[in-house]
Amino acid sequence: MPYTKVQNFLDMERFHDTLEGKLVVSIRDNIVLICLCRLIINSLKQIYKYFSTHQYIGVIFLRKMIKLYEYATTHLDFALINHIKSLRLKKGFSQEKLSLKMGLTKSFVGNVENIKEDHKYATRHLTLLAKAFGFNNISYLLNFPTPEYDKIKVTVQQTYNDAGTKVIKSEVVKIEPVE
């Protein structure tokens, strides 16, 4: 009997399957615990074939946790935050360094760039940002295309480390207008 999955690995919290009654697989908190009821070489070969495409150590299998977040914002706020972030990276400024150059708390820029926070740049921050980047004209700071929509819904896919405690990759997967 070939090994078959019941659900997509990334979308589930728990997964149970049996392989000819010889193997029980259970996933919980990003770890697969394999309890062998009876050790049979054919079963082990099938396990090896399946897990050979995944990251594993012995009988502990670690998978990357992926979460999707959706949030609503204005297209202008989204574009401005991303534009300032790209300028910050080009200048080689950390979030903390830019915050301090603006004369604000060291966590300010990090909070603005974090999708889980509601912080945004306000009108008063434009002058502070222009000075921090060394622009003598605010129009240089706002040199990016006019946003197409008023309000948007942004879907972000975040990949966490194996322990599920730190985001290692964050990627916008969809932007759609809100009417």
C-alpha atoms as a PDB file:
ATOM      1  CA  MET A   1       0.000   0.000   0.000  1.00  0.00           C
ATOM      2  CA  PRO A   2       1.635   3.313  -1.056  1.00  0.00           C
ATOM      3  CA  TYR A   3       2.021   6.185   1.399  1.00  0.00           C
ATOM      4  CA  THR A   4      -0.678   8.826   0.946  1.00  0.00           C
ATOM      5  CA  LYS A   5      -1.164  12.191   2.603  1.00  0.00           C
ATOM      6  CA  VAL A   6      -4.559  13.167   3.986  1.00  0.00           C
ATOM      7  CA  GLN A   7      -3.974  16.932   3.913  1.00  0.00           C
ATOM      8  CA  ASN A   8      -1.427  19.467   2.682  1.00  0.00           C
ATOM      9  CA  PHE A   9       1.494  19.519   5.152  1.00  0.00           C
ATOM     10  CA  LEU A  10       1.705  23.315   5.403  1.00  0.00           C
ATOM     11  CA  ASP A  11      -1.987  23.871   6.115  1.00  0.00           C
ATOM     12  CA  MET A  12      -2.494  21.534   9.013  1.00  0.00           C
ATOM     13  CA  GLU A  13      -1.911  21.491  12.708  1.00  0.00           C
ATOM     14  CA  ARG A  14      -2.132  17.725  13.150  1.00  0.00           C
ATOM     15  CA  PHE A  15      -1.763  14.875  10.717  1.00  0.00           C
ATOM     16  CA  HIS A  16      -2.319  11.181  11.292  1.00  0.00           C
ATOM     17  CA  ASP A  17      -1.637   8.415   8.852  1.00  0.00           C
ATOM     18  CA  THR A  18      -0.787   4.766   8.948  1.00  0.00           C
ATOM     19  CA  LEU A  19       1.367   2.708   6.651  1.00  0.00           C
ATOM     20  CA  GLU A  20       0.003  -0.824   6.562  1.00  0.00           C
ATOM     21  CA  GLY A  21      -0.618  -0.590  10.310  1.00  0.00           C
ATOM     22  CA  LYS A  22       3.124  -0.521  11.024  1.00  0.00           C
ATOM     23  CA  LEU A  23       3.729   3.207  11.341  1.00  0.00           C
ATOM     24  CA  VAL A  24       1.918   6.060  13.063  1.00  0.00           C
ATOM     25  CA  VAL A  25       2.873   9.612  12.118  1.00  0.00           C
ATOM     26  CA  SER A  26       1.704  12.598  14.187  1.00  0.00           C
ATOM     27  CA  ILE A  27       2.534  16.261  13.600  1.00  0.00           C
ATOM     28  CA  ARG A  28       2.104  18.796  16.387  1.00  0.00           C
ATOM     29  CA  ASP A  29       4.007  22.018  17.010  1.00  0.00           C
ATOM     30  CA  ASN A  30       6.131  21.611  13.845  1.00  0.00           C
ATOM     31  CA  ILE A  31       7.565  18.235  14.835  1.00  0.00           C
ATOM     32  CA  VAL A  32       6.697  14.850  13.446  1.00  0.00           C
ATOM     33  CA  LEU A  33       6.864  12.142  16.049  1.00  0.00           C
ATOM     34  CA  ILE A  34       7.219   8.747  14.510  1.00  0.00           C
ATOM     35  CA  CYS A  35       6.130   5.835  16.658  1.00  0.00           C
ATOM     36  CA  LEU A  36       7.100   2.545  15.142  1.00  0.00           C
ATOM     37  CA  CYS A  37       4.784  -0.217  16.282  1.00  0.00           C
ATOM     38  CA  ARG A  38       6.646  -2.879  14.287  1.00  0.00           C
ATOM     39  CA  LEU A  39       9.912  -2.172  12.544  1.00  0.00           C
ATOM     40  CA  ILE A  40       9.881  -3.507   8.986  1.00  0.00           C
ATOM     41  CA  ILE A  41      12.543  -2.681   6.421  1.00  0.00           C
ATOM     42  CA  ASN A  42      10.008  -1.929   3.656  1.00  0.00           C
ATOM     43  CA  SER A  43       8.330   0.644   5.860  1.00  0.00           C
ATOM     44  CA  LEU A  44      11.670   2.279   6.597  1.00  0.00           C
ATOM     45  CA  LYS A  45      12.479   2.445   2.871  1.00  0.00           C
ATOM     46  CA  GLN A  46       9.140   4.173   2.213  1.00  0.00           C
ATOM     47  CA  ILE A  47       9.771   6.606   5.066  1.00  0.00           C
ATOM     48  CA  TYR A  48      13.232   7.395   3.715  1.00  0.00           C
ATOM     49  CA  LYS A  49      11.860   8.036   0.216  1.00  0.00           C
ATOM     50  CA  TYR A  50       9.206  10.384   1.614  1.00  0.00           C
ATOM     51  CA  PHE A  51      11.440  12.308   4.022  1.00  0.00           C
ATOM     52  CA  SER A  52      14.416  12.511   1.656  1.00  0.00           C
ATOM     53  CA  THR A  53      12.872  15.649   0.116  1.00  0.00           C
ATOM     54  CA  HIS A  54      12.354  17.311   3.517  1.00  0.00           C
ATOM     55  CA  GLN A  55      14.632  18.618   6.268  1.00  0.00           C
ATOM     56  CA  TYR A  56      14.915  15.990   8.994  1.00  0.00           C
ATOM     57  CA  ILE A  57      17.262  14.678  11.640  1.00  0.00           C
ATOM     58  CA  GLY A  58      16.818  11.017  12.515  1.00  0.00           C
ATOM     59  CA  VAL A  59      13.156  10.519  13.260  1.00  0.00           C
ATOM     60  CA  ILE A  60      12.469  14.178  14.080  1.00  0.00           C
ATOM     61  CA  PHE A  61      11.182  16.141  11.104  1.00  0.00           C
ATOM     62  CA  LEU A  62      11.137  19.936  11.276  1.00  0.00           C
ATOM     63  CA  ARG A  63       8.956  21.889   8.869  1.00  0.00           C
ATOM     64  CA  LYS A  64       8.870  25.598   8.204  1.00  0.00           C
ATOM     65  CA  MET A  65       5.812  27.315   9.610  1.00  0.00           C
ATOM     66  CA  ILE A  66       4.121  29.613   7.102  1.00  0.00           C
ATOM     67  CA  LYS A  67       1.411  32.097   8.035  1.00  0.00           C
ATOM     68  CA  LEU A  68      -0.654  34.382   5.845  1.00  0.00           C
ATOM     69  CA  TYR A  69      -1.633  37.806   7.178  1.00  0.00           C
ATOM     70  CA  GLU A  70      -4.142  40.159   5.636  1.00  0.00           C
ATOM     71  CA  TYR A  71      -4.460  43.787   6.548  1.00  0.00           C
ATOM     72  CA  ALA A  72      -6.155  46.843   5.123  1.00  0.00           C
ATOM     73  CA  THR A  73      -4.370  50.141   4.580  1.00  0.00           C
ATOM     74  CA  THR A  74      -4.270  52.998   2.139  1.00  0.00           C
ATOM     75  CA  HIS A  75      -2.270  52.425  -1.000  1.00  0.00           C
ATOM     76  CA  LEU A  76      -0.378  55.676  -0.317  1.00  0.00           C
ATOM     77  CA  ASP A  77       0.717  54.510   3.167  1.00  0.00           C
ATOM     78  CA  PHE A  78       1.792  51.136   1.766  1.00  0.00           C
ATOM     79  CA  ALA A  79       3.763  52.724  -1.090  1.00  0.00           C
ATOM     80  CA  LEU A  80       5.376  55.348   1.180  1.00  0.00           C
ATOM     81  CA  ILE A  81       6.473  52.774   3.772  1.00  0.00           C
ATOM     82  CA  ASN A  82       8.010  50.558   1.079  1.00  0.00           C
ATOM     83  CA  HIS A  83       9.679  53.526  -0.633  1.00  0.00           C
ATOM     84  CA  ILE A  84      11.215  54.747   2.638  1.00  0.00           C
ATOM     85  CA  LYS A  85      12.360  51.196   3.386  1.00  0.00           C
ATOM     86  CA  SER A  86      14.100  50.947  -0.003  1.00  0.00           C
ATOM     87  CA  LEU A  87      15.795  54.337   0.575  1.00  0.00           C
ATOM     88  CA  ARG A  88      16.853  53.189   4.054  1.00  0.00           C
ATOM     89  CA  LEU A  89      18.396  49.994   2.662  1.00  0.00           C
ATOM     90  CA  LYS A  90      20.172  51.896  -0.167  1.00  0.00           C
ATOM     91  CA  LYS A  91      21.712  54.260   2.388  1.00  0.00           C
ATOM     92  CA  GLY A  92      22.717  51.313   4.581  1.00  0.00           C
ATOM     93  CA  PHE A  93      20.683  52.540   7.554  1.00  0.00           C
ATOM     94  CA  SER A  94      19.272  50.081  10.046  1.00  0.00           C
ATOM     95  CA  GLN A  95      15.747  50.713  11.306  1.00  0.00           C
ATOM     96  CA  GLU A  96      17.209  51.871  14.608  1.00  0.00           C
ATOM     97  CA  LYS A  97      19.714  54.223  12.967  1.00  0.00           C
ATOM     98  CA  LEU A  98      17.042  55.908  10.825  1.00  0.00           C
ATOM     99  CA  SER A  99      14.758  56.282  13.853  1.00  0.00           C
ATOM    100  CA  LEU A 100      17.535  57.963  15.833  1.00  0.00           C
ATOM    101  CA  LYS A 101      18.502  60.217  12.879  1.00  0.00           C
ATOM    102  CA  MET A 102      14.854  61.336  12.864  1.00  0.00           C
ATOM    103  CA  GLY A 103      15.080  62.116  16.579  1.00  0.00           C
ATOM    104  CA  LEU A 104      12.498  59.483  17.512  1.00  0.00           C
ATOM    105  CA  THR A 105      12.564  56.338  19.634  1.00  0.00           C
ATOM    106  CA  LYS A 106      14.874  53.677  18.233  1.00  0.00           C
ATOM    107  CA  SER A 107      11.941  51.310  17.546  1.00  0.00           C
ATOM    108  CA  PHE A 108       9.841  53.796  15.521  1.00  0.00           C
ATOM    109  CA  VAL A 109      10.866  52.785  11.978  1.00  0.00           C
ATOM    110  CA  GLY A 110      10.722  49.089  12.909  1.00  0.00           C
ATOM    111  CA  ASN A 111       7.155  49.569  14.140  1.00  0.00           C
ATOM    112  CA  VAL A 112       6.170  51.364  10.919  1.00  0.00           C
ATOM    113  CA  GLU A 113       7.678  48.608   8.732  1.00  0.00           C
ATOM    114  CA  ASN A 114       6.119  45.797  10.808  1.00  0.00           C
ATOM    115  CA  ILE A 115       2.846  44.583   9.264  1.00  0.00           C
ATOM    116  CA  LYS A 116       1.500  43.599  12.669  1.00  0.00           C
ATOM    117  CA  GLU A 117       1.725  47.183  13.935  1.00  0.00           C
ATOM    118  CA  ASP A 118      -0.596  50.064  13.074  1.00  0.00           C
ATOM    119  CA  HIS A 119       2.174  52.701  13.064  1.00  0.00           C
ATOM    120  CA  LYS A 120       2.432  54.867   9.956  1.00  0.00           C
ATOM    121  CA  TYR A 121       4.413  57.873   8.825  1.00  0.00           C
ATOM    122  CA  ALA A 122       2.522  61.104   9.505  1.00  0.00           C
ATOM    123  CA  THR A 123       2.933  64.411   7.710  1.00  0.00           C
ATOM    124  CA  ARG A 124       5.364  65.661  10.391  1.00  0.00           C
ATOM    125  CA  HIS A 125       7.610  62.654   9.744  1.00  0.00           C
ATOM    126  CA  LEU A 126       8.198  63.688   6.118  1.00  0.00           C
ATOM    127  CA  THR A 127      10.434  66.596   7.163  1.00  0.00           C
ATOM    128  CA  LEU A 128      12.297  64.384   9.643  1.00  0.00           C
ATOM    129  CA  LEU A 129      12.797  61.691   6.982  1.00  0.00           C
ATOM    130  CA  ALA A 130      14.004  64.195   4.356  1.00  0.00           C
ATOM    131  CA  LYS A 131      16.575  65.601   6.798  1.00  0.00           C
ATOM    132  CA  ALA A 132      17.692  62.119   7.911  1.00  0.00           C
ATOM    133  CA  PHE A 133      18.320  61.121   4.268  1.00  0.00           C
ATOM    134  CA  GLY A 134      20.080  64.436   3.534  1.00  0.00           C
ATOM    135  CA  PHE A 135      17.474  65.759   1.083  1.00  0.00           C
ATOM    136  CA  ASN A 136      17.110  69.539   0.913  1.00  0.00           C
ATOM    137  CA  ASN A 137      13.748  69.175  -0.845  1.00  0.00           C
ATOM    138  CA  ILE A 138      10.877  66.938   0.358  1.00  0.00           C
ATOM    139  CA  SER A 139       9.949  66.165  -3.250  1.00  0.00           C
ATOM    140  CA  TYR A 140      13.071  63.974  -3.471  1.00  0.00           C
ATOM    141  CA  LEU A 141      11.696  61.908  -0.595  1.00  0.00           C
ATOM    142  CA  LEU A 142       8.339  61.458  -2.354  1.00  0.00           C
ATOM    143  CA  ASN A 143       9.822  60.456  -5.720  1.00  0.00           C
ATOM    144  CA  PHE A 144       7.727  57.316  -6.322  1.00  0.00           C
ATOM    145  CA  PRO A 145       4.729  56.537  -8.569  1.00  0.00           C
ATOM    146  CA  THR A 146       1.271  57.776  -7.614  1.00  0.00           C
ATOM    147  CA  PRO A 147      -0.662  54.904  -5.999  1.00  0.00           C
ATOM    148  CA  GLU A 148      -3.384  53.409  -8.175  1.00  0.00           C
ATOM    149  CA  TYR A 149      -5.992  52.807  -5.443  1.00  0.00           C
ATOM    150  CA  ASP A 150      -7.286  54.558  -2.347  1.00  0.00           C
ATOM    151  CA  LYS A 151      -7.615  51.594   0.027  1.00  0.00           C
ATOM    152  CA  ILE A 152      -6.082  48.167  -0.431  1.00  0.00           C
ATOM    153  CA  LYS A 153      -6.024  44.757   1.223  1.00  0.00           C
ATOM    154  CA  VAL A 154      -2.509  43.316   1.457  1.00  0.00           C
ATOM    155  CA  THR A 155      -1.822  39.605   1.903  1.00  0.00           C
ATOM    156  CA  VAL A 156       1.613  38.799   3.309  1.00  0.00           C
ATOM    157  CA  GLN A 157       3.162  35.339   3.601  1.00  0.00           C
ATOM    158  CA  GLN A 158       5.565  35.010   6.508  1.00  0.00           C
ATOM    159  CA  THR A 159       7.926  32.061   6.948  1.00  0.00           C
ATOM    160  CA  TYR A 160       9.069  31.370  10.499  1.00  0.00           C
ATOM    161  CA  ASN A 161      12.133  29.552  11.795  1.00  0.00           C
ATOM    162  CA  ASP A 162      11.787  25.901  12.818  1.00  0.00           C
ATOM    163  CA  ALA A 163      10.896  26.870  16.374  1.00  0.00           C
ATOM    164  CA  GLY A 164       8.147  29.182  15.093  1.00  0.00           C
ATOM    165  CA  THR A 165       9.497  32.108  17.097  1.00  0.00           C
ATOM    166  CA  LYS A 166      11.054  34.391  14.467  1.00  0.00           C
ATOM    167  CA  VAL A 167      10.059  35.525  10.973  1.00  0.00           C
ATOM    168  CA  ILE A 168      12.840  34.613   8.548  1.00  0.00           C
ATOM    169  CA  LYS A 169      11.079  35.729   5.365  1.00  0.00           C
ATOM    170  CA  SER A 170       8.183  38.056   4.690  1.00  0.00           C
ATOM    171  CA  GLU A 171       6.700  38.423   1.215  1.00  0.00           C
ATOM    172  CA  VAL A 172       3.683  40.298  -0.158  1.00  0.00           C
ATOM    173  CA  VAL A 173       1.724  37.737  -2.167  1.00  0.00           C
ATOM    174  CA  LYS A 174      -1.344  39.770  -3.104  1.00  0.00           C
ATOM    175  CA  ILE A 175      -2.566  43.362  -3.186  1.00  0.00           C
ATOM    176  CA  GLU A 176      -6.167  44.021  -4.062  1.00  0.00           C
ATOM    177  CA  PRO A 177      -8.290  47.174  -4.003  1.00  0.00           C
ATOM    178  CA  VAL A 178     -10.958  47.617  -1.342  1.00  0.00           C
ATOM    179  CA  GLU A 179     -14.143  49.275  -2.523  1.00  0.00           C
END
